[in-house]
PDB file of N, CA and C in Angstrom:
ATOM      1  N   MET A   1    -107.200  47.338  20.230  1.00  0.00           N
ATOM      2  CA  MET A   1    -106.897  45.901  20.137  1.00  0.00           C
ATOM      3  C   MET A   1    -108.104  45.341  19.252  1.00  0.00           C
ATOM      4  N   LEU A   2    -107.707  44.525  18.349  1.00  0.00           N
ATOM      5  CA  LEU A   2    -108.680  43.847  17.494  1.00  0.00           C
ATOM      6  C   LEU A   2    -108.536  42.269  17.618  1.00  0.00           C
ATOM      7  N   ARG A   3    -109.664  41.585  17.517  1.00  0.00           N
ATOM      8  CA  ARG A   3    -109.577  40.078  17.552  1.00  0.00           C
ATOM      9  C   ARG A   3    -110.470  39.618  16.556  1.00  0.00           C
ATOM     10  N   LEU A   4    -110.004  38.548  15.744  1.00  0.00           N
ATOM     11  CA  LEU A   4    -110.834  37.930  14.752  1.00  0.00           C
ATOM     12  C   LEU A   4    -110.882  36.373  15.020  1.00  0.00           C
ATOM     13  N   ARG A   5    -112.076  35.850  15.082  1.00  0.00           N
ATOM     14  CA  ARG A   5    -112.227  34.434  15.370  1.00  0.00           C
ATOM     15  C   ARG A   5    -113.323  33.818  14.511  1.00  0.00           C
ATOM     16  N   SER A   6    -113.173  32.521  14.343  1.00  0.00           N
ATOM     17  CA  SER A   6    -114.147  31.688  13.612  1.00  0.00           C
ATOM     18  C   SER A   6    -114.802  30.766  14.560  1.00  0.00           C
ATOM     19  N   ALA A   7    -116.107  30.516  14.328  1.00  0.00           N
ATOM     20  CA  ALA A   7    -116.837  29.573  15.159  1.00  0.00           C
ATOM     21  C   ALA A   7    -116.793  28.134  14.614  1.00  0.00           C
ATOM     22  N   ALA A   8    -115.965  27.992  13.532  1.00  0.00           N
ATOM     23  CA  ALA A   8    -115.835  26.672  12.912  1.00  0.00           C
ATOM     24  C   ALA A   8    -115.289  25.629  13.862  1.00  0.00           C
ATOM     25  N   PRO A   9    -115.706  24.416  13.728  1.00  0.00           N
ATOM     26  CA  PRO A   9    -115.068  23.299  14.485  1.00  0.00           C
ATOM     27  C   PRO A   9    -113.479  23.199  14.299  1.00  0.00           C
ATOM     28  N   ARG A  10    -112.825  22.813  15.272  1.00  0.00           N
ATOM     29  CA  ARG A  10    -111.374  22.909  15.322  1.00  0.00           C
ATOM     30  C   ARG A  10    -110.746  22.247  14.015  1.00  0.00           C
ATOM     31  N   ALA A  11    -111.340  21.114  13.623  1.00  0.00           N
ATOM     32  CA  ALA A  11    -110.807  20.432  12.389  1.00  0.00           C
ATOM     33  C   ALA A  11    -110.924  21.239  11.118  1.00  0.00           C
ATOM     34  N   SER A  12    -111.893  22.210  11.069  1.00  0.00           N
ATOM     35  CA  SER A  12    -112.096  22.993   9.784  1.00  0.00           C
ATOM     36  C   SER A  12    -111.880  24.448  10.040  1.00  0.00           C
ATOM     37  N   ARG A  13    -111.266  24.761  11.225  1.00  0.00           N
ATOM     38  CA  ARG A  13    -110.986  26.210  11.547  1.00  0.00           C
ATOM     39  C   ARG A  13    -109.929  26.808  10.683  1.00  0.00           C
ATOM     40  N   PRO A  14    -110.087  27.941  10.032  1.00  0.00           N
ATOM     41  CA  PRO A  14    -109.124  28.494   9.098  1.00  0.00           C
ATOM     42  C   PRO A  14    -108.086  29.182   9.803  1.00  0.00           C
ATOM     43  N   SER A  15    -106.879  29.274   9.167  1.00  0.00           N
ATOM     44  CA  SER A  15    -105.734  30.043   9.774  1.00  0.00           C
ATOM     45  C   SER A  15    -106.061  31.454   9.251  1.00  0.00           C
ATOM     46  N   VAL A  16    -106.068  32.410  10.226  1.00  0.00           N
ATOM     47  CA  VAL A  16    -106.449  33.760   9.941  1.00  0.00           C
ATOM     48  C   VAL A  16    -105.360  34.747  10.338  1.00  0.00           C
ATOM     49  N   LEU A  17    -105.441  35.977   9.743  1.00  0.00           N
ATOM     50  CA  LEU A  17    -104.479  37.018  10.135  1.00  0.00           C
ATOM     51  C   LEU A  17    -105.283  38.395   9.984  1.00  0.00           C
ATOM     52  N   LEU A  18    -104.820  39.308  10.795  1.00  0.00           N
ATOM     53  CA  LEU A  18    -105.370  40.653  10.796  1.00  0.00           C
ATOM     54  C   LEU A  18    -104.217  41.633  10.505  1.00  0.00           C
ATOM     55  N   ALA A  19    -104.467  42.604   9.613  1.00  0.00           N
ATOM     56  CA  ALA A  19    -103.519  43.619   9.301  1.00  0.00           C
ATOM     57  C   ALA A  19    -104.157  44.938   9.338  1.00  0.00           C
ATOM     58  N   LEU A  20    -103.664  45.911  10.013  1.00  0.00           N
ATOM     59  CA  LEU A  20    -104.202  47.242  10.196  1.00  0.00           C
ATOM     60  C   LEU A  20    -103.188  48.260   9.553  1.00  0.00           C
ATOM     61  N   PHE A  21    -103.813  49.068   8.658  1.00  0.00           N
ATOM     62  CA  PHE A  21    -103.013  50.029   7.866  1.00  0.00           C
ATOM     63  C   PHE A  21    -103.500  51.510   8.096  1.00  0.00           C
ATOM     64  N   ASP A  22    -102.633  52.443   8.021  1.00  0.00           N
ATOM     65  CA  ASP A  22    -103.027  53.880   7.961  1.00  0.00           C
ATOM     66  C   ASP A  22    -102.471  54.452   6.670  1.00  0.00           C
ATOM     67  N   GLY A  23    -102.992  55.645   6.230  1.00  0.00           N
ATOM     68  CA  GLY A  23    -102.453  56.314   5.083  1.00  0.00           C
ATOM     69  C   GLY A  23    -103.136  55.776   3.830  1.00  0.00           C
ATOM     70  N   ALA A  24    -104.141  55.008   3.913  1.00  0.00           N
ATOM     71  CA  ALA A  24    -104.918  54.533   2.765  1.00  0.00           C
ATOM     72  C   ALA A  24    -105.740  55.637   2.196  1.00  0.00           C
ATOM     73  N   SER A  25    -105.973  55.673   0.840  1.00  0.00           N
ATOM     74  CA  SER A  25    -106.837  56.574   0.289  1.00  0.00           C
ATOM     75  C   SER A  25    -108.048  55.910  -0.170  1.00  0.00           C
ATOM     76  N   ARG A  26    -109.209  56.579  -0.076  1.00  0.00           N
ATOM     77  CA  ARG A  26    -110.478  56.103  -0.622  1.00  0.00           C
ATOM     78  C   ARG A  26    -110.749  56.707  -2.003  1.00  0.00           C
ATOM     79  N   LEU A  27    -111.010  55.808  -2.950  1.00  0.00           N
ATOM     80  CA  LEU A  27    -111.334  56.206  -4.361  1.00  0.00           C
ATOM     81  C   LEU A  27    -112.755  56.649  -4.355  1.00  0.00           C
ATOM     82  N   SER A  28    -113.130  57.317  -5.464  1.00  0.00           N
ATOM     83  CA  SER A  28    -114.548  57.741  -5.538  1.00  0.00           C
ATOM     84  C   SER A  28    -115.508  56.628  -5.631  1.00  0.00           C
ATOM     85  N   ASP A  29    -115.141  55.471  -6.081  1.00  0.00           N
ATOM     86  CA  ASP A  29    -116.046  54.343  -6.162  1.00  0.00           C
ATOM     87  C   ASP A  29    -116.138  53.569  -4.815  1.00  0.00           C
ATOM     88  N   GLY A  30    -115.506  54.062  -3.796  1.00  0.00           N
ATOM     89  CA  GLY A  30    -115.595  53.486  -2.430  1.00  0.00           C
ATOM     90  C   GLY A  30    -114.517  52.506  -2.162  1.00  0.00           C
ATOM     91  N   GLN A  31    -113.685  52.088  -3.214  1.00  0.00           N
ATOM     92  CA  GLN A  31    -112.628  51.146  -3.028  1.00  0.00           C
ATOM     93  C   GLN A  31    -111.491  51.869  -2.267  1.00  0.00           C
ATOM     94  N   CYS A  32    -110.555  51.041  -1.753  1.00  0.00           N
ATOM     95  CA  CYS A  32    -109.416  51.589  -0.994  1.00  0.00           C
ATOM     96  C   CYS A  32    -108.169  51.409  -1.864  1.00  0.00           C
ATOM     97  N   TYR A  33    -107.320  52.354  -1.725  1.00  0.00           N
ATOM     98  CA  TYR A  33    -106.056  52.354  -2.370  1.00  0.00           C
ATOM     99  C   TYR A  33    -104.940  52.300  -1.413  1.00  0.00           C
ATOM    100  N   LEU A  34    -104.183  51.199  -1.328  1.00  0.00           N
ATOM    101  CA  LEU A  34    -103.264  50.996  -0.230  1.00  0.00           C
ATOM    102  C   LEU A  34    -101.738  51.174  -0.645  1.00  0.00           C
ATOM    103  N   SER A  35    -101.420  51.706  -1.796  1.00  0.00           N
ATOM    104  CA  SER A  35    -100.094  51.760  -2.159  1.00  0.00           C
ATOM    105  C   SER A  35     -99.226  52.606  -1.222  1.00  0.00           C
ATOM    106  N   ARG A  36     -99.813  53.612  -0.618  1.00  0.00           N
ATOM    107  CA  ARG A  36     -98.946  54.508   0.202  1.00  0.00           C
ATOM    108  C   ARG A  36     -99.298  54.263   1.768  1.00  0.00           C
ATOM    109  N   ALA A  37    -100.049  53.180   1.969  1.00  0.00           N
ATOM    110  CA  ALA A  37    -100.447  52.904   3.368  1.00  0.00           C
ATOM    111  C   ALA A  37     -99.276  52.301   4.071  1.00  0.00           C
ATOM    112  N   ARG A  38     -99.282  52.374   5.308  1.00  0.00           N
ATOM    113  CA  ARG A  38     -98.292  51.880   6.259  1.00  0.00           C
ATOM    114  C   ARG A  38     -98.851  50.890   7.255  1.00  0.00           C
ATOM    115  N   LEU A  39     -98.298  49.705   7.327  1.00  0.00           N
ATOM    116  CA  LEU A  39     -98.775  48.755   8.377  1.00  0.00           C
ATOM    117  C   LEU A  39     -98.486  49.276   9.739  1.00  0.00           C
ATOM    118  N   VAL A  40     -99.473  49.318  10.559  1.00  0.00           N
ATOM    119  CA  VAL A  40     -99.300  49.852  11.988  1.00  0.00           C
ATOM    120  C   VAL A  40     -99.477  48.770  12.995  1.00  0.00           C
ATOM    121  N   SER A  41    -100.185  47.696  12.665  1.00  0.00           N
ATOM    122  CA  SER A  41    -100.275  46.622  13.598  1.00  0.00           C
ATOM    123  C   SER A  41    -100.776  45.399  12.837  1.00  0.00           C
ATOM    124  N   ASN A  42    -100.339  44.242  13.336  1.00  0.00           N
ATOM    125  CA  ASN A  42    -100.872  43.021  12.727  1.00  0.00           C
ATOM    126  C   ASN A  42    -100.879  41.927  13.801  1.00  0.00           C
ATOM    127  N   GLY A  43    -101.636  40.769  13.477  1.00  0.00           N
ATOM    128  CA  GLY A  43    -101.745  39.735  14.399  1.00  0.00           C
ATOM    129  C   GLY A  43    -100.685  38.647  14.324  1.00  0.00           C
ATOM    130  N   GLY A  44     -99.543  39.035  13.746  1.00  0.00           N
ATOM    131  CA  GLY A  44     -98.348  38.016  13.702  1.00  0.00           C
ATOM    132  C   GLY A  44     -98.457  37.170  12.413  1.00  0.00           C
ATOM    133  N   THR A  45     -98.432  35.896  12.565  1.00  0.00           N
ATOM    134  CA  THR A  45     -98.478  35.046  11.442  1.00  0.00           C
ATOM    135  C   THR A  45     -99.837  34.323  11.360  1.00  0.00           C
ATOM    136  N   TYR A  46    -100.144  33.728  10.249  1.00  0.00           N
ATOM    137  CA  TYR A  46    -101.387  32.994  10.212  1.00  0.00           C
ATOM    138  C   TYR A  46    -101.513  32.049  11.221  1.00  0.00           C
ATOM    139  N   ALA A  47    -102.629  32.007  11.960  1.00  0.00           N
ATOM    140  CA  ALA A  47    -102.821  31.004  13.071  1.00  0.00           C
ATOM    141  C   ALA A  47    -104.285  30.699  13.179  1.00  0.00           C
ATOM    142  N   CYS A  48    -104.588  29.588  13.881  1.00  0.00           N
ATOM    143  CA  CYS A  48    -106.022  29.195  14.069  1.00  0.00           C
ATOM    144  C   CYS A  48    -106.245  28.806  15.564  1.00  0.00           C
ATOM    145  N   PRO A  49    -105.920  29.639  16.581  1.00  0.00           N
ATOM    146  CA  PRO A  49    -106.149  29.262  17.869  1.00  0.00           C
ATOM    147  C   PRO A  49    -107.694  29.344  18.231  1.00  0.00           C
ATOM    148  N   PRO A  50    -108.143  28.632  19.224  1.00  0.00           N
ATOM    149  CA  PRO A  50    -109.586  28.673  19.509  1.00  0.00           C
ATOM    150  C   PRO A  50    -110.128  30.090  19.772  1.00  0.00           C
ATOM    151  N   GLY A  51    -109.275  30.929  20.331  1.00  0.00           N
ATOM    152  CA  GLY A  51    -109.712  32.337  20.622  1.00  0.00           C
ATOM    153  C   GLY A  51    -109.518  33.285  19.434  1.00  0.00           C
ATOM    154  N   GLY A  52    -108.991  32.850  18.413  1.00  0.00           N
ATOM    155  CA  GLY A  52    -108.694  33.650  17.205  1.00  0.00           C
ATOM    156  C   GLY A  52    -107.429  34.304  17.261  1.00  0.00           C
ATOM    157  N   VAL A  53    -107.190  35.279  16.407  1.00  0.00           N
ATOM    158  CA  VAL A  53    -105.964  36.003  16.383  1.00  0.00           C
ATOM    159  C   VAL A  53    -106.284  37.391  16.806  1.00  0.00           C
ATOM    160  N   SER A  54    -105.224  38.122  17.365  1.00  0.00           N
ATOM    161  CA  SER A  54    -105.507  39.527  17.807  1.00  0.00           C
ATOM    162  C   SER A  54    -104.344  40.360  17.543  1.00  0.00           C
ATOM    163  N   THR A  55    -104.468  41.651  17.390  1.00  0.00           N
ATOM    164  CA  THR A  55    -103.498  42.594  17.208  1.00  0.00           C
ATOM    165  C   THR A  55    -103.036  43.032  18.680  1.00  0.00           C
ATOM    166  N   PRO A  56    -101.770  43.412  18.798  1.00  0.00           N
ATOM    167  CA  PRO A  56    -101.365  43.889  20.110  1.00  0.00           C
ATOM    168  C   PRO A  56    -102.151  45.127  20.482  1.00  0.00           C
ATOM    169  N   ARG A  57    -102.233  45.376  21.810  1.00  0.00           N
ATOM    170  CA  ARG A  57    -102.853  46.606  22.321  1.00  0.00           C
ATOM    171  C   ARG A  57    -101.974  47.775  21.862  1.00  0.00           C
ATOM    172  N   THR A  58    -102.553  48.708  21.096  1.00  0.00           N
ATOM    173  CA  THR A  58    -101.753  49.832  20.510  1.00  0.00           C
ATOM    174  C   THR A  58    -102.510  51.052  20.583  1.00  0.00           C
ATOM    175  N   GLN A  59    -101.860  52.185  21.019  1.00  0.00           N
ATOM    176  CA  GLN A  59    -102.515  53.533  20.931  1.00  0.00           C
ATOM    177  C   GLN A  59    -102.321  54.064  19.589  1.00  0.00           C
ATOM    178  N   LEU A  60    -103.367  54.501  18.985  1.00  0.00           N
ATOM    179  CA  LEU A  60    -103.290  55.083  17.643  1.00  0.00           C
ATOM    180  C   LEU A  60    -103.814  56.501  17.695  1.00  0.00           C
ATOM    181  N   PRO A  61    -103.176  57.378  16.928  1.00  0.00           N
ATOM    182  CA  PRO A  61    -103.740  58.801  16.761  1.00  0.00           C
ATOM    183  C   PRO A  61    -105.034  58.805  15.993  1.00  0.00           C
ATOM    184  N   ALA A  62    -105.818  59.712  16.175  1.00  0.00           N
ATOM    185  CA  ALA A  62    -107.099  59.914  15.429  1.00  0.00           C
ATOM    186  C   ALA A  62    -106.757  59.874  13.973  1.00  0.00           C
ATOM    187  N   GLY A  63    -107.657  59.180  13.195  1.00  0.00           N
ATOM    188  CA  GLY A  63    -107.439  59.118  11.781  1.00  0.00           C
ATOM    189  C   GLY A  63    -108.322  57.995  11.181  1.00  0.00           C
ATOM    190  N   THR A  64    -107.955  57.654   9.953  1.00  0.00           N
ATOM    191  CA  THR A  64    -108.703  56.615   9.268  1.00  0.00           C
ATOM    192  C   THR A  64    -107.714  55.381   9.023  1.00  0.00           C
ATOM    193  N   TYR A  65    -108.203  54.197   9.390  1.00  0.00           N
ATOM    194  CA  TYR A  65    -107.357  52.989   9.239  1.00  0.00           C
ATOM    195  C   TYR A  65    -108.160  51.989   8.490  1.00  0.00           C
ATOM    196  N   ILE A  66    -107.456  51.112   7.855  1.00  0.00           N
ATOM    197  CA  ILE A  66    -108.062  50.039   7.007  1.00  0.00           C
ATOM    198  C   ILE A  66    -107.598  48.767   7.641  1.00  0.00           C
ATOM    199  N   LEU A  67    -108.541  47.882   8.004  1.00  0.00           N
ATOM    200  CA  LEU A  67    -108.328  46.561   8.580  1.00  0.00           C
ATOM    201  C   LEU A  67    -108.588  45.519   7.450  1.00  0.00           C
ATOM    202  N   ILE A  68    -107.572  44.677   7.223  1.00  0.00           N
ATOM    203  CA  ILE A  68    -107.778  43.593   6.296  1.00  0.00           C
ATOM    204  C   ILE A  68    -107.605  42.256   7.017  1.00  0.00           C
ATOM    205  N   PRO A  69    -108.774  41.632   7.203  1.00  0.00           N
ATOM    206  CA  PRO A  69    -108.691  40.220   7.732  1.00  0.00           C
ATOM    207  C   PRO A  69    -108.499  39.297   6.574  1.00  0.00           C
ATOM    208  N   SER A  70    -107.701  38.251   6.739  1.00  0.00           N
ATOM    209  CA  SER A  70    -107.571  37.272   5.640  1.00  0.00           C
ATOM    210  C   SER A  70    -107.357  35.933   6.209  1.00  0.00           C
ATOM    211  N   THR A  71    -107.614  34.905   5.255  1.00  0.00           N
ATOM    212  CA  THR A  71    -107.382  33.503   5.593  1.00  0.00           C
ATOM    213  C   THR A  71    -106.304  33.037   4.738  1.00  0.00           C
ATOM    214  N   PHE A  72    -105.496  32.016   5.278  1.00  0.00           N
ATOM    215  CA  PHE A  72    -104.454  31.419   4.484  1.00  0.00           C
ATOM    216  C   PHE A  72    -104.904  30.667   3.298  1.00  0.00           C
ATOM    217  N   ASP A  73    -105.965  29.828   3.560  1.00  0.00           N
ATOM    218  CA  ASP A  73    -106.540  29.067   2.514  1.00  0.00           C
ATOM    219  C   ASP A  73    -107.968  29.483   2.272  1.00  0.00           C
ATOM    220  N   PRO A  74    -108.522  29.313   1.163  1.00  0.00           N
ATOM    221  CA  PRO A  74    -109.961  29.694   0.906  1.00  0.00           C
ATOM    222  C   PRO A  74    -110.926  29.130   1.988  1.00  0.00           C
ATOM    223  N   PHE A  75    -111.832  29.890   2.501  1.00  0.00           N
ATOM    224  CA  PHE A  75    -112.771  29.420   3.526  1.00  0.00           C
ATOM    225  C   PHE A  75    -114.007  30.166   3.389  1.00  0.00           C
ATOM    226  N   GLU A  76    -115.125  29.455   3.466  1.00  0.00           N
ATOM    227  CA  GLU A  76    -116.446  30.032   3.510  1.00  0.00           C
ATOM    228  C   GLU A  76    -117.083  29.641   4.895  1.00  0.00           C
ATOM    229  N   GLY A  77    -117.381  30.773   5.602  1.00  0.00           N
ATOM    230  CA  GLY A  77    -117.923  30.514   6.979  1.00  0.00           C
ATOM    231  C   GLY A  77    -117.936  31.876   7.677  1.00  0.00           C
ATOM    232  N   GLY A  78    -118.613  31.783   8.799  1.00  0.00           N
ATOM    233  CA  GLY A  78    -118.676  33.032   9.617  1.00  0.00           C
ATOM    234  C   GLY A  78    -117.487  33.413  10.407  1.00  0.00           C
ATOM    235  N   PHE A  79    -117.340  34.705  10.697  1.00  0.00           N
ATOM    236  CA  PHE A  79    -116.286  35.207  11.576  1.00  0.00           C
ATOM    237  C   PHE A  79    -116.860  36.176  12.478  1.00  0.00           C
ATOM    238  N   GLU A  80    -116.213  36.441  13.545  1.00  0.00           N
ATOM    239  CA  GLU A  80    -116.592  37.440  14.517  1.00  0.00           C
ATOM    240  C   GLU A  80    -115.339  38.330  14.630  1.00  0.00           C
ATOM    241  N   LEU A  81    -115.548  39.612  14.476  1.00  0.00           N
ATOM    242  CA  LEU A  81    -114.499  40.656  14.688  1.00  0.00           C
ATOM    243  C   LEU A  81    -114.912  41.499  15.888  1.00  0.00           C
ATOM    244  N   LEU A  82    -114.002  41.542  16.802  1.00  0.00           N
ATOM    245  CA  LEU A  82    -114.121  42.305  18.077  1.00  0.00           C
ATOM    246  C   LEU A  82    -113.151  43.448  18.093  1.00  0.00           C
ATOM    247  N   ALA A  83    -113.589  44.649  18.385  1.00  0.00           N
ATOM    248  CA  ALA A  83    -112.702  45.823  18.478  1.00  0.00           C
ATOM    249  C   ALA A  83    -112.833  46.348  19.892  1.00  0.00           C
ATOM    250  N   TYR A  84    -111.713  46.509  20.500  1.00  0.00           N
ATOM    251  CA  TYR A  84    -111.635  47.088  21.913  1.00  0.00           C
ATOM    252  C   TYR A  84    -111.103  48.547  21.763  1.00  0.00           C
ATOM    253  N   ALA A  85    -111.848  49.514  22.199  1.00  0.00           N
ATOM    254  CA  ALA A  85    -111.427  50.863  22.204  1.00  0.00           C
ATOM    255  C   ALA A  85    -112.127  51.667  23.287  1.00  0.00           C
ATOM    256  N   ALA A  86    -111.662  52.793  23.586  1.00  0.00           N
ATOM    257  CA  ALA A  86    -112.284  53.648  24.595  1.00  0.00           C
ATOM    258  C   ALA A  86    -113.615  54.074  24.053  1.00  0.00           C
ATOM    259  N   ASP A  87    -114.588  54.338  24.947  1.00  0.00           N
ATOM    260  CA  ASP A  87    -115.986  54.733  24.582  1.00  0.00           C
ATOM    261  C   ASP A  87    -115.849  55.976  23.657  1.00  0.00           C
ATOM    262  N   GLY A  88    -116.546  55.866  22.498  1.00  0.00           N
ATOM    263  CA  GLY A  88    -116.678  56.984  21.547  1.00  0.00           C
ATOM    264  C   GLY A  88    -115.368  57.103  20.674  1.00  0.00           C
ATOM    265  N   ALA A  89    -114.448  56.208  20.831  1.00  0.00           N
ATOM    266  CA  ALA A  89    -113.212  56.393  20.074  1.00  0.00           C
ATOM    267  C   ALA A  89    -113.142  55.642  18.678  1.00  0.00           C
ATOM    268  N   LEU A  90    -114.247  54.929  18.482  1.00  0.00           N
ATOM    269  CA  LEU A  90    -114.216  54.063  17.271  1.00  0.00           C
ATOM    270  C   LEU A  90    -115.481  54.152  16.428  1.00  0.00           C
ATOM    271  N   ARG A  91    -115.284  54.326  15.116  1.00  0.00           N
ATOM    272  CA  ARG A  91    -116.441  54.253  14.214  1.00  0.00           C
ATOM    273  C   ARG A  91    -115.956  53.314  13.178  1.00  0.00           C
ATOM    274  N   VAL A  92    -116.887  52.352  12.830  1.00  0.00           N
ATOM    275  CA  VAL A  92    -116.541  51.213  11.902  1.00  0.00           C
ATOM    276  C   VAL A  92    -117.391  51.427  10.620  1.00  0.00           C
ATOM    277  N   GLU A  93    -116.800  51.238   9.487  1.00  0.00           N
ATOM    278  CA  GLU A  93    -117.448  51.420   8.155  1.00  0.00           C
ATOM    279  C   GLU A  93    -116.946  50.281   7.278  1.00  0.00           C
ATOM    280  N   GLN A  94    -117.864  49.450   6.753  1.00  0.00           N
ATOM    281  CA  GLN A  94    -117.372  48.387   5.802  1.00  0.00           C
ATOM    282  C   GLN A  94    -117.251  48.955   4.473  1.00  0.00           C
ATOM    283  N   LEU A  95    -116.102  48.707   3.801  1.00  0.00           N
ATOM    284  CA  LEU A  95    -115.843  49.178   2.503  1.00  0.00           C
ATOM    285  C   LEU A  95    -116.212  48.206   1.424  1.00  0.00           C
ATOM    286  N   ALA A  96    -115.735  46.963   1.636  1.00  0.00           N
ATOM    287  CA  ALA A  96    -115.978  45.932   0.601  1.00  0.00           C
ATOM    288  C   ALA A  96    -116.216  44.558   1.290  1.00  0.00           C
ATOM    289  N   ARG A  97    -116.769  43.659   0.450  1.00  0.00           N
ATOM    290  CA  ARG A  97    -116.977  42.320   1.011  1.00  0.00           C
ATOM    291  C   ARG A  97    -116.081  41.402   0.223  1.00  0.00           C
TER     292      ARG A  97
END
């Protein structure tokens, strides 16, 4: 399960979404290629609840996944991404900003 939230005040809190893909390929320059990727989980529609948006609890086979957090409108501010997984079952690597 993944959760994304913003600490922005309610009036300026962005609408956010999480999308998790598998089957992505990494290019030699470190960028990701998603043309053959498959959406395996998402947080529904863009929303801005106080607790943020989350993906449903999902069991995934071992592999590499790409998480794309996005905002509906442009937004500059901090976010917190929480990942819930069994001990030792998760390794996180940032590909791009």
